[in-house]
């Protein structure tokens, strides 16, 4: 459950960082999911393989789980870093396309 909460938080933060950098947040949110789950799966696979290689027996599950969590953390950090360092763009959210400034509640004069 804690992992899902962290993923939702990271999803929102990376989208916010992308908008601040003038990028479409959908790309960075998809990158967040892909890196998180992709590296979690890869870490679990590597952990299971390593535990099998070490003849861990009953403790093989714990090793695979540990490596999976480490992989998810690396994927999450990588997606955060990529969204934070995104190149500047000219994307504006749909609610601000026609000059409506949603944050001040009035018309955007720029």
Protein backbone atom coordinates (compact mmCIF):
# COMPACT_ATOMS: atom_id res chain seq x y z
CA UNK A 1 0.00 0.00 0.00
CA UNK A 2 2.84 2.38 0.81
CA UNK A 3 4.36 1.69 -2.60
CA UNK A 4 1.11 2.74 -4.33
CA UNK A 5 0.95 5.95 -2.30
CA UNK A 6 4.55 6.76 -3.25
CA UNK A 7 3.83 6.06 -6.92
CA UNK A 8 0.77 8.35 -6.93
CA UNK A 9 2.76 11.09 -5.21
CA UNK A 10 5.61 10.74 -7.71
CA UNK A 11 3.12 10.72 -10.61
CA UNK A 12 1.78 14.10 -9.48
CA UNK A 13 5.16 15.63 -8.69
CA UNK A 14 6.65 14.63 -12.05
CA UNK A 15 3.62 16.05 -13.85
CA UNK A 16 4.00 19.31 -11.94
CA UNK A 17 7.71 19.52 -12.76
CA UNK A 18 6.99 18.87 -16.44
CA UNK A 19 4.41 21.69 -16.58
CA UNK A 20 6.83 24.04 -14.81
CA UNK A 21 9.41 23.25 -17.51
CA UNK A 22 6.85 23.83 -20.29
CA UNK A 23 6.54 20.14 -21.21
CA UNK A 24 3.49 17.94 -21.66
CA UNK A 25 3.07 16.03 -18.37
CA UNK A 26 1.65 12.91 -20.04
CA UNK A 27 5.05 11.91 -21.37
CA UNK A 28 6.73 12.24 -17.98
CA UNK A 29 3.91 10.48 -16.16
CA UNK A 30 4.16 7.56 -18.60
CA UNK A 31 7.92 7.56 -18.05
CA UNK A 32 7.29 7.39 -14.30
CA UNK A 33 5.12 4.29 -14.64
CA UNK A 34 7.44 2.64 -17.15
CA UNK A 35 10.60 3.15 -15.13
CA UNK A 36 8.98 2.25 -11.82
CA UNK A 37 7.35 -1.00 -12.93
CA UNK A 38 10.02 -1.90 -15.47
CA UNK A 39 12.89 -1.65 -13.01
CA UNK A 40 10.83 -3.27 -10.26
CA UNK A 41 10.20 -6.27 -12.51
CA UNK A 42 13.84 -6.36 -13.60
CA UNK A 43 15.05 -6.12 -10.01
CA UNK A 44 12.72 -8.91 -8.92
CA UNK A 45 13.92 -11.10 -11.78
CA UNK A 46 17.58 -10.41 -10.99
CA UNK A 47 16.97 -10.99 -7.28
CA UNK A 48 15.24 -14.31 -7.92
CA UNK A 49 18.01 -15.39 -10.26
CA UNK A 50 20.68 -14.37 -7.74
CA UNK A 51 18.91 -16.16 -4.88
CA UNK A 52 18.62 -19.28 -7.03
CA UNK A 53 22.32 -19.03 -7.84
CA UNK A 54 23.14 -18.77 -4.13
CA UNK A 55 20.82 -21.66 -3.21
CA UNK A 56 18.93 -19.46 -0.75
CA UNK A 57 16.09 -21.99 -0.42
CA UNK A 58 13.19 -20.60 1.58
CA UNK A 59 14.72 -17.11 1.73
CA UNK A 60 14.70 -16.70 -2.07
CA UNK A 61 11.42 -14.79 -1.96
CA UNK A 62 12.84 -12.15 0.41
CA UNK A 63 15.87 -11.59 -1.78
CA UNK A 64 13.75 -11.22 -4.90
CA UNK A 65 11.40 -8.82 -3.09
CA UNK A 66 14.32 -6.75 -1.79
CA UNK A 67 15.84 -6.41 -5.24
CA UNK A 68 12.41 -5.52 -6.67
CA UNK A 69 11.97 -2.69 -4.18
CA UNK A 70 15.48 -1.41 -4.92
CA UNK A 71 14.67 -1.47 -8.65
CA UNK A 72 11.43 0.45 -8.10
CA UNK A 73 13.28 3.06 -6.03
CA UNK A 74 15.91 3.50 -8.75
CA UNK A 75 13.16 3.82 -11.37
CA UNK A 76 11.30 6.38 -9.27
CA UNK A 77 14.41 8.46 -8.64
CA UNK A 78 15.36 8.33 -12.31
CA UNK A 79 11.91 9.48 -13.43
CA UNK A 80 12.00 12.31 -10.87
CA UNK A 81 15.41 13.43 -12.07
CA UNK A 82 14.40 13.32 -15.76
CA UNK A 83 11.23 15.36 -15.10
CA UNK A 84 13.13 17.86 -12.96
CA UNK A 85 15.82 18.36 -15.65
CA UNK A 86 13.44 18.40 -18.65
CA UNK A 87 14.30 20.92 -21.36
CA UNK A 88 12.29 24.12 -21.47
CA UNK A 89 9.32 24.00 -23.80
CA UNK A 90 6.24 26.01 -24.63
CA UNK A 91 3.47 23.69 -23.40
CA UNK A 92 0.59 25.28 -21.52
CA UNK A 93 -2.23 23.34 -19.85
CA UNK A 94 -5.54 23.29 -21.72
CA UNK A 95 -7.25 25.60 -19.22
CA UNK A 96 -4.68 28.33 -19.98
CA UNK A 97 -4.71 28.12 -23.80
CA UNK A 98 -7.09 31.04 -24.33
CA UNK A 99 -5.55 33.38 -21.81
CA UNK A 100 -7.58 32.26 -18.81
CA UNK A 101 -5.33 32.25 -15.75
CA UNK A 102 -6.72 29.57 -13.48
CA UNK A 103 -4.49 30.38 -10.51
CA UNK A 104 -5.54 33.99 -10.06
CA UNK A 105 -9.14 33.36 -11.11
CA UNK A 106 -9.03 36.07 -13.73
CA UNK A 107 -8.03 36.90 -17.24
CA UNK A 108 -4.34 36.49 -18.11
CA UNK A 109 -3.04 39.74 -19.62
CA UNK A 110 0.16 38.29 -21.08
